Amino acid sequence: RAISLVCKVTEANGKPAVKLSDNPRKATGDPAEIER
């Protein structure tokens, strides 16, 4: 059975990268940065 596996950019020049998405379950990034 296929699973939801991704490989996302997490930092750029040492700064955290964030994705919010239209679906909150697909959000990626540091929780504090997501809130920002």
PDB file of all heavy atoms in Angstrom:
ATOM      1  N   ARG A   1       0.842  -1.187   0.000  1.00  0.00           N
ATOM      2  CA  ARG A   1       0.000   0.000   0.000  1.00  0.00           C
ATOM      3  C   ARG A   1       0.885   1.247   0.000  1.00  0.00           C
ATOM      4  O   ARG A   1       1.787   1.371   0.813  1.00  0.00           O
ATOM      5  CB  ARG A   1      -0.917   0.001   1.220  1.00  0.00           C
ATOM      6  CG  ARG A   1      -1.977   1.087   1.211  1.00  0.00           C
ATOM      7  CD  ARG A   1      -2.828   1.005   2.477  1.00  0.00           C
ATOM      8  NE  ARG A   1      -3.567  -0.245   2.541  1.00  0.00           N
ATOM      9  CZ  ARG A   1      -4.779  -0.410   2.018  1.00  0.00           C
ATOM     10  NH1 ARG A   1      -5.396   0.596   1.400  1.00  0.00           N
ATOM     11  NH2 ARG A   1      -5.386  -1.591   2.123  1.00  0.00           N
ATOM     12  N   ALA A   2       0.630   2.173  -0.913  1.00  0.00           N
ATOM     13  CA  ALA A   2       1.429   3.393  -0.998  1.00  0.00           C
ATOM     14  C   ALA A   2       1.273   4.246   0.254  1.00  0.00           C
ATOM     15  O   ALA A   2       0.224   4.242   0.907  1.00  0.00           O
ATOM     16  CB  ALA A   2       1.021   4.204  -2.228  1.00  0.00           C
ATOM     17  N   ILE A   3       2.325   4.968   0.603  1.00  0.00           N
ATOM     18  CA  ILE A   3       2.294   5.853   1.761  1.00  0.00           C
ATOM     19  C   ILE A   3       2.603   7.275   1.323  1.00  0.00           C
ATOM     20  O   ILE A   3       3.107   7.519   0.218  1.00  0.00           O
ATOM     21  CB  ILE A   3       3.284   5.408   2.857  1.00  0.00           C
ATOM     22  CG1 ILE A   3       4.732   5.454   2.326  1.00  0.00           C
ATOM     23  CG2 ILE A   3       2.934   4.004   3.352  1.00  0.00           C
ATOM     24  CD1 ILE A   3       5.775   5.160   3.402  1.00  0.00           C
ATOM     25  N   SER A   4       2.331   8.225   2.202  1.00  0.00           N
ATOM     26  CA  SER A   4       2.579   9.635   1.907  1.00  0.00           C
ATOM     27  C   SER A   4       3.988   9.997   2.358  1.00  0.00           C
ATOM     28  O   SER A   4       4.231  10.316   3.519  1.00  0.00           O
ATOM     29  CB  SER A   4       1.546  10.527   2.607  1.00  0.00           C
ATOM     30  OG  SER A   4       1.740  11.884   2.234  1.00  0.00           O
ATOM     31  N   LEU A   5       4.901   9.923   1.428  1.00  0.00           N
ATOM     32  CA  LEU A   5       6.309  10.190   1.683  1.00  0.00           C
ATOM     33  C   LEU A   5       6.741  11.363   0.817  1.00  0.00           C
ATOM     34  O   LEU A   5       6.511  11.365  -0.390  1.00  0.00           O
ATOM     35  CB  LEU A   5       7.121   8.943   1.346  1.00  0.00           C
ATOM     36  CG  LEU A   5       8.567   8.866   1.800  1.00  0.00           C
ATOM     37  CD1 LEU A   5       8.655   8.769   3.315  1.00  0.00           C
ATOM     38  CD2 LEU A   5       9.253   7.659   1.151  1.00  0.00           C
ATOM     39  N   VAL A   6       7.359  12.380   1.426  1.00  0.00           N
ATOM     40  CA  VAL A   6       7.793  13.556   0.677  1.00  0.00           C
ATOM     41  C   VAL A   6       9.238  13.889   1.040  1.00  0.00           C
ATOM     42  O   VAL A   6       9.766  13.439   2.057  1.00  0.00           O
ATOM     43  CB  VAL A   6       6.895  14.786   0.945  1.00  0.00           C
ATOM     44  CG1 VAL A   6       5.488  14.545   0.434  1.00  0.00           C
ATOM     45  CG2 VAL A   6       6.878  15.149   2.429  1.00  0.00           C
ATOM     46  N   CYS A   7       9.867  14.665   0.198  1.00  0.00           N
ATOM     47  CA  CYS A   7      11.201  15.199   0.458  1.00  0.00           C
ATOM     48  C   CYS A   7      11.124  16.698   0.196  1.00  0.00           C
ATOM     49  O   CYS A   7      11.028  17.125  -0.953  1.00  0.00           O
ATOM     50  CB  CYS A   7      12.237  14.520  -0.434  1.00  0.00           C
ATOM     51  SG  CYS A   7      13.958  15.002  -0.107  1.00  0.00           S
ATOM     52  N   LYS A   8      11.131  17.492   1.255  1.00  0.00           N
ATOM     53  CA  LYS A   8      10.866  18.921   1.150  1.00  0.00           C
ATOM     54  C   LYS A   8      12.092  19.740   1.535  1.00  0.00           C
ATOM     55  O   LYS A   8      12.914  19.319   2.348  1.00  0.00           O
ATOM     56  CB  LYS A   8       9.708  19.307   2.076  1.00  0.00           C
ATOM     57  CG  LYS A   8       8.355  18.733   1.654  1.00  0.00           C
ATOM     58  CD  LYS A   8       7.849  19.373   0.369  1.00  0.00           C
ATOM     59  CE  LYS A   8       6.458  18.890   0.020  1.00  0.00           C
ATOM     60  NZ  LYS A   8       6.008  19.463  -1.294  1.00  0.00           N
ATOM     61  N   VAL A   9      12.173  20.938   0.938  1.00  0.00           N
ATOM     62  CA  VAL A   9      13.197  21.876   1.373  1.00  0.00           C
ATOM     63  C   VAL A   9      12.845  22.341   2.788  1.00  0.00           C
ATOM     64  O   VAL A   9      11.710  22.728   3.064  1.00  0.00           O
ATOM     65  CB  VAL A   9      13.317  23.061   0.394  1.00  0.00           C
ATOM     66  CG1 VAL A   9      12.021  23.844   0.251  1.00  0.00           C
ATOM     67  CG2 VAL A   9      14.460  23.970   0.800  1.00  0.00           C
ATOM     68  N   THR A  10      13.809  22.266   3.700  1.00  0.00           N
ATOM     69  CA  THR A  10      13.569  22.607   5.101  1.00  0.00           C
ATOM     70  C   THR A  10      14.358  23.824   5.563  1.00  0.00           C
ATOM     71  O   THR A  10      13.998  24.456   6.549  1.00  0.00           O
ATOM     72  CB  THR A  10      13.904  21.411   6.013  1.00  0.00           C
ATOM     73  OG1 THR A  10      15.212  20.899   5.692  1.00  0.00           O
ATOM     74  CG2 THR A  10      12.871  20.297   5.821  1.00  0.00           C
ATOM     75  N   GLU A  11      15.445  24.148   4.852  1.00  0.00           N
ATOM     76  CA  GLU A  11      16.231  25.337   5.178  1.00  0.00           C
ATOM     77  C   GLU A  11      16.787  25.962   3.908  1.00  0.00           C
ATOM     78  O   GLU A  11      17.053  25.259   2.926  1.00  0.00           O
ATOM     79  CB  GLU A  11      17.410  24.988   6.102  1.00  0.00           C
ATOM     80  CG  GLU A  11      17.049  24.692   7.540  1.00  0.00           C
ATOM     81  CD  GLU A  11      18.282  24.516   8.406  1.00  0.00           C
ATOM     82  OE1 GLU A  11      19.418  24.504   7.852  1.00  0.00           O
ATOM     83  OE2 GLU A  11      18.145  24.398   9.633  1.00  0.00           O
ATOM     84  N   ALA A  12      16.957  27.273   3.939  1.00  0.00           N
ATOM     85  CA  ALA A  12      17.632  27.989   2.861  1.00  0.00           C
ATOM     86  C   ALA A  12      18.569  29.001   3.499  1.00  0.00           C
ATOM     87  O   ALA A  12      18.116  29.879   4.256  1.00  0.00           O
ATOM     88  CB  ALA A  12      16.620  28.679   1.949  1.00  0.00           C
ATOM     89  N   ASN A  13      19.843  28.867   3.217  1.00  0.00           N
ATOM     90  CA  ASN A  13      20.863  29.690   3.869  1.00  0.00           C
ATOM     91  C   ASN A  13      20.707  29.707   5.385  1.00  0.00           C
ATOM     92  O   ASN A  13      20.865  30.743   6.039  1.00  0.00           O
ATOM     93  CB  ASN A  13      20.861  31.119   3.315  1.00  0.00           C
ATOM     94  CG  ASN A  13      21.527  31.218   1.952  1.00  0.00           C
ATOM     95  OD1 ASN A  13      22.115  30.256   1.466  1.00  0.00           O
ATOM     96  ND2 ASN A  13      21.418  32.382   1.322  1.00  0.00           N
ATOM     97  N   GLY A  14      20.379  28.556   5.935  1.00  0.00           N
ATOM     98  CA  GLY A  14      20.253  28.403   7.372  1.00  0.00           C
ATOM     99  C   GLY A  14      18.941  28.874   7.965  1.00  0.00           C
ATOM    100  O   GLY A  14      18.721  28.722   9.176  1.00  0.00           O
ATOM    101  N   LYS A  15      18.044  29.431   7.127  1.00  0.00           N
ATOM    102  CA  LYS A  15      16.753  29.907   7.608  1.00  0.00           C
ATOM    103  C   LYS A  15      15.671  28.865   7.316  1.00  0.00           C
ATOM    104  O   LYS A  15      15.668  28.255   6.255  1.00  0.00           O
ATOM    105  CB  LYS A  15      16.396  31.232   6.942  1.00  0.00           C
ATOM    106  CG  LYS A  15      17.367  32.363   7.261  1.00  0.00           C
ATOM    107  CD  LYS A  15      16.947  33.644   6.581  1.00  0.00           C
ATOM    108  CE  LYS A  15      17.857  34.795   6.934  1.00  0.00           C
ATOM    109  NZ  LYS A  15      17.439  36.061   6.240  1.00  0.00           N
ATOM    110  N   PRO A  16      14.731  28.670   8.245  1.00  0.00           N
ATOM    111  CA  PRO A  16      13.719  27.621   8.061  1.00  0.00           C
ATOM    112  C   PRO A  16      12.762  27.917   6.912  1.00  0.00           C
ATOM    113  O   PRO A  16      12.344  29.063   6.720  1.00  0.00           O
ATOM    114  CB  PRO A  16      12.981  27.611   9.404  1.00  0.00           C
ATOM    115  CG  PRO A  16      13.229  28.955  10.010  1.00  0.00           C
ATOM    116  CD  PRO A  16      14.588  29.370   9.545  1.00  0.00           C
ATOM    117  N   ALA A  17      12.451  26.877   6.153  1.00  0.00           N
ATOM    118  CA  ALA A  17      11.496  26.976   5.052  1.00  0.00           C
ATOM    119  C   ALA A  17      10.161  26.397   5.496  1.00  0.00           C
ATOM    120  O   ALA A  17      10.108  25.434   6.256  1.00  0.00           O
ATOM    121  CB  ALA A  17      12.007  26.237   3.822  1.00  0.00           C
ATOM    122  N   VAL A  18       9.075  26.982   4.994  1.00  0.00           N
ATOM    123  CA  VAL A  18       7.728  26.636   5.440  1.00  0.00           C
ATOM    124  C   VAL A  18       6.805  26.438   4.244  1.00  0.00           C
ATOM    125  O   VAL A  18       6.904  27.156   3.248  1.00  0.00           O
ATOM    126  CB  VAL A  18       7.141  27.746   6.360  1.00  0.00           C
ATOM    127  CG1 VAL A  18       5.661  27.496   6.649  1.00  0.00           C
ATOM    128  CG2 VAL A  18       7.926  27.825   7.655  1.00  0.00           C
ATOM    129  N   LYS A  19       5.927  25.466   4.354  1.00  0.00           N
ATOM    130  CA  LYS A  19       4.807  25.312   3.432  1.00  0.00           C
ATOM    131  C   LYS A  19       3.534  25.201   4.266  1.00  0.00           C
ATOM    132  O   LYS A  19       3.464  24.412   5.207  1.00  0.00           O
ATOM    133  CB  LYS A  19       4.971  24.058   2.575  1.00  0.00           C
ATOM    134  CG  LYS A  19       3.805  23.806   1.620  1.00  0.00           C
ATOM    135  CD  LYS A  19       3.944  22.445   0.947  1.00  0.00           C
ATOM    136  CE  LYS A  19       2.718  22.120   0.085  1.00  0.00           C
ATOM    137  NZ  LYS A  19       2.739  20.729  -0.418  1.00  0.00           N
ATOM    138  N   LEU A  20       2.534  25.998   3.947  1.00  0.00           N
ATOM    139  CA  LEU A  20       1.262  25.947   4.658  1.00  0.00           C
ATOM    140  C   LEU A  20       0.270  25.008   3.981  1.00  0.00           C
ATOM    141  O   LEU A  20      -0.385  24.214   4.643  1.00  0.00           O
ATOM    142  CB  LEU A  20       0.648  27.343   4.781  1.00  0.00           C
ATOM    143  CG  LEU A  20       1.407  28.365   5.639  1.00  0.00           C
ATOM    144  CD1 LEU A  20       0.652  29.691   5.664  1.00  0.00           C
ATOM    145  CD2 LEU A  20       1.625  27.856   7.051  1.00  0.00           C
ATOM    146  N   SER A  21       0.135  25.161   2.635  1.00  0.00           N
ATOM    147  CA  SER A  21      -0.786  24.345   1.846  1.00  0.00           C
ATOM    148  C   SER A  21      -2.243  24.735   2.120  1.00  0.00           C
ATOM    149  O   SER A  21      -2.571  25.354   3.130  1.00  0.00           O
ATOM    150  CB  SER A  21      -0.583  22.849   2.130  1.00  0.00           C
ATOM    151  OG  SER A  21      -1.508  22.042   1.440  1.00  0.00           O
ATOM    152  N   ASP A  22      -3.123  24.336   1.210  1.00  0.00           N
ATOM    153  CA  ASP A  22      -4.567  24.478   1.445  1.00  0.00           C
ATOM    154  C   ASP A  22      -5.082  23.417   2.408  1.00  0.00           C
ATOM    155  O   ASP A  22      -6.172  23.551   2.948  1.00  0.00           O
ATOM    156  CB  ASP A  22      -5.331  24.382   0.119  1.00  0.00           C
ATOM    157  CG  ASP A  22      -5.213  25.644  -0.714  1.00  0.00           C
ATOM    158  OD1 ASP A  22      -5.164  26.738  -0.129  1.00  0.00           O
ATOM    159  OD2 ASP A  22      -5.161  25.533  -1.954  1.00  0.00           O
ATOM    160  N   ASN A  23      -4.303  22.373   2.582  1.00  0.00           N
ATOM    161  CA  ASN A  23      -4.640  21.299   3.514  1.00  0.00           C
ATOM    162  C   ASN A  23      -3.663  21.349   4.684  1.00  0.00           C
ATOM    163  O   ASN A  23      -2.476  21.045   4.524  1.00  0.00           O
ATOM    164  CB  ASN A  23      -4.541  19.941   2.803  1.00  0.00           C
ATOM    165  CG  ASN A  23      -4.881  18.764   3.716  1.00  0.00           C
ATOM    166  OD1 ASN A  23      -5.217  18.931   4.890  1.00  0.00           O
ATOM    167  ND2 ASN A  23      -4.775  17.561   3.179  1.00  0.00           N
ATOM    168  N   PRO A  24      -4.108  21.742   5.881  1.00  0.00           N
ATOM    169  CA  PRO A  24      -3.199  21.869   7.017  1.00  0.00           C
ATOM    170  C   PRO A  24      -2.385  20.615   7.306  1.00  0.00           C
ATOM    171  O   PRO A  24      -1.280  20.708   7.854  1.00  0.00           O
ATOM    172  CB  PRO A  24      -4.142  22.197   8.182  1.00  0.00           C
ATOM    173  CG  PRO A  24      -5.337  22.835   7.531  1.00  0.00           C
ATOM    174  CD  PRO A  24      -5.488  22.135   6.222  1.00  0.00           C
ATOM    175  N   ARG A  25      -2.894  19.450   6.930  1.00  0.00           N
ATOM    176  CA  ARG A  25      -2.148  18.218   7.174  1.00  0.00           C
ATOM    177  C   ARG A  25      -0.902  18.102   6.292  1.00  0.00           C
ATOM    178  O   ARG A  25      -0.042  17.258   6.573  1.00  0.00           O
ATOM    179  CB  ARG A  25      -3.051  16.998   6.967  1.00  0.00           C
ATOM    180  CG  ARG A  25      -4.140  16.855   8.015  1.00  0.00           C
ATOM    181  CD  ARG A  25      -4.699  15.447   8.019  1.00  0.00           C
ATOM    182  NE  ARG A  25      -5.776  15.269   8.969  1.00  0.00           N
ATOM    183  CZ  ARG A  25      -6.360  14.109   9.230  1.00  0.00           C
ATOM    184  NH1 ARG A  25      -5.944  13.008   8.633  1.00  0.00           N
ATOM    185  NH2 ARG A  25      -7.353  14.024  10.089  1.00  0.00           N
ATOM    186  N   LYS A  26      -0.825  18.930   5.249  1.00  0.00           N
ATOM    187  CA  LYS A  26       0.327  18.892   4.366  1.00  0.00           C
ATOM    188  C   LYS A  26       1.341  19.993   4.678  1.00  0.00           C
ATOM    189  O   LYS A  26       2.333  20.154   3.967  1.00  0.00           O
ATOM    190  CB  LYS A  26      -0.117  18.980   2.898  1.00  0.00           C
ATOM    191  CG  LYS A  26      -0.985  17.817   2.465  1.00  0.00           C
ATOM    192  CD  LYS A  26      -1.412  17.925   1.016  1.00  0.00           C
ATOM    193  CE  LYS A  26      -0.435  17.314   0.098  1.00  0.00           C
ATOM    194  NZ  LYS A  26      -0.897  17.240  -1.318  1.00  0.00           N
ATOM    195  N   ALA A  27       1.074  20.743   5.755  1.00  0.00           N
ATOM    196  CA  ALA A  27       1.999  21.805   6.154  1.00  0.00           C
ATOM    197  C   ALA A  27       3.329  21.192   6.607  1.00  0.00           C
ATOM    198  O   ALA A  27       3.363  20.151   7.248  1.00  0.00           O
ATOM    199  CB  ALA A  27       1.400  22.647   7.269  1.00  0.00           C
ATOM    200  N   THR A  28       4.427  21.866   6.267  1.00  0.00           N
ATOM    201  CA  THR A  28       5.753  21.429   6.703  1.00  0.00           C
ATOM    202  C   THR A  28       6.528  22.632   7.224  1.00  0.00           C
ATOM    203  O   THR A  28       6.361  23.757   6.761  1.00  0.00           O
ATOM    204  CB  THR A  28       6.550  20.767   5.558  1.00  0.00           C
ATOM    205  OG1 THR A  28       6.750  21.705   4.497  1.00  0.00           O
ATOM    206  CG2 THR A  28       5.840  19.544   5.033  1.00  0.00           C
ATOM    207  N   GLY A  29       7.399  22.358   8.190  1.00  0.00           N
ATOM    208  CA  GLY A  29       8.233  23.414   8.733  1.00  0.00           C
ATOM    209  C   GLY A  29       8.199  23.425  10.254  1.00  0.00           C
ATOM    210  O   GLY A  29       7.408  22.723  10.889  1.00  0.00           O
ATOM    211  N   ASP A  30       9.051  24.232  10.827  1.00  0.00           N
ATOM    212  CA  ASP A  30       9.096  24.407  12.276  1.00  0.00           C
ATOM    213  C   ASP A  30       7.758  24.973  12.764  1.00  0.00           C
ATOM    214  O   ASP A  30       7.236  25.929  12.180  1.00  0.00           O
ATOM    215  CB  ASP A  30      10.232  25.360  12.650  1.00  0.00           C
ATOM    216  CG  ASP A  30      10.289  25.638  14.128  1.00  0.00           C
ATOM    217  OD1 ASP A  30      10.836  24.800  14.863  1.00  0.00           O
ATOM    218  OD2 ASP A  30       9.756  26.683  14.563  1.00  0.00           O
ATOM    219  N   PRO A  31       7.167  24.398  13.815  1.00  0.00           N
ATOM    220  CA  PRO A  31       5.838  24.853  14.284  1.00  0.00           C
ATOM    221  C   PRO A  31       5.771  26.352  14.565  1.00  0.00           C
ATOM    222  O   PRO A  31       4.759  26.997  14.254  1.00  0.00           O
ATOM    223  CB  PRO A  31       5.614  24.032  15.557  1.00  0.00           C
ATOM    224  CG  PRO A  31       6.406  22.777  15.336  1.00  0.00           C
ATOM    225  CD  PRO A  31       7.612  23.205  14.570  1.00  0.00           C
ATOM    226  N   ALA A  32       6.819  26.921  15.156  1.00  0.00           N
ATOM    227  CA  ALA A  32       6.817  28.358  15.443  1.00  0.00           C
ATOM    228  C   ALA A  32       6.800  29.166  14.141  1.00  0.00           C
ATOM    229  O   ALA A  32       6.121  30.206  14.053  1.00  0.00           O
ATOM    230  CB  ALA A  32       8.031  28.726  16.289  1.00  0.00           C
ATOM    231  N   GLU A  33       7.544  28.697  13.149  1.00  0.00           N
ATOM    232  CA  GLU A  33       7.546  29.381  11.867  1.00  0.00           C
ATOM    233  C   GLU A  33       6.212  29.233  11.146  1.00  0.00           C
ATOM    234  O   GLU A  33       5.749  30.166  10.485  1.00  0.00           O
ATOM    235  CB  GLU A  33       8.683  28.857  10.982  1.00  0.00           C
ATOM    236  CG  GLU A  33      10.059  29.342  11.386  1.00  0.00           C
ATOM    237  CD  GLU A  33      10.198  30.849  11.269  1.00  0.00           C
ATOM    238  OE1 GLU A  33      10.001  31.390  10.168  1.00  0.00           O
ATOM    239  OE2 GLU A  33      10.489  31.489  12.294  1.00  0.00           O
ATOM    240  N   ILE A  34       5.591  28.078  11.265  1.00  0.00           N
ATOM    241  CA  ILE A  34       4.269  27.891  10.671  1.00  0.00           C
ATOM    242  C   ILE A  34       3.292  28.897  11.254  1.00  0.00           C
ATOM    243  O   ILE A  34       2.495  29.512  10.525  1.00  0.00           O
ATOM    244  CB  ILE A  34       3.782  26.441  10.885  1.00  0.00           C
ATOM    245  CG1 ILE A  34       4.580  25.480   9.999  1.00  0.00           C
ATOM    246  CG2 ILE A  34       2.280  26.328  10.576  1.00  0.00           C
ATOM    247  CD1 ILE A  34       4.234  24.015  10.217  1.00  0.00           C
ATOM    248  N   GLU A  35       3.337  29.097  12.572  1.00  0.00           N
ATOM    249  CA  GLU A  35       2.456  30.073  13.209  1.00  0.00           C
ATOM    250  C   GLU A  35       2.745  31.482  12.705  1.00  0.00           C
ATOM    251  O   GLU A  35       1.820  32.282  12.496  1.00  0.00           O
ATOM    252  CB  GLU A  35       2.621  30.020  14.725  1.00  0.00           C
ATOM    253  CG  GLU A  35       2.015  28.775  15.357  1.00  0.00           C
ATOM    254  CD  GLU A  35       0.518  28.653  15.065  1.00  0.00           C
ATOM    255  OE1 GLU A  35      -0.206  29.670  15.183  1.00  0.00           O
ATOM    256  OE2 GLU A  35       0.087  27.542  14.681  1.00  0.00           O
ATOM    257  N   ARG A  36       4.020  31.796  12.519  1.00  0.00           N
ATOM    258  CA  ARG A  36       4.386  33.103  11.966  1.00  0.00           C
ATOM    259  C   ARG A  36       3.805  33.281  10.568  1.00  0.00           C
ATOM    260  O   ARG A  36       3.216  34.341  10.261  1.00  0.00           O
ATOM    261  CB  ARG A  36       5.903  33.246  11.929  1.00  0.00           C
ATOM    262  CG  ARG A  36       6.387  34.561  11.327  1.00  0.00           C
ATOM    263  CD  ARG A  36       7.872  34.515  11.039  1.00  0.00           C
ATOM    264  NE  ARG A  36       8.340  35.741  10.412  1.00  0.00           N
ATOM    265  CZ  ARG A  36       9.499  35.867   9.777  1.00  0.00           C
ATOM    266  NH1 ARG A  36      10.319  34.811   9.705  1.00  0.00           N
ATOM    267  NH2 ARG A  36       9.833  37.016   9.212  1.00  0.00           N
TER     268      ARG A  36
END
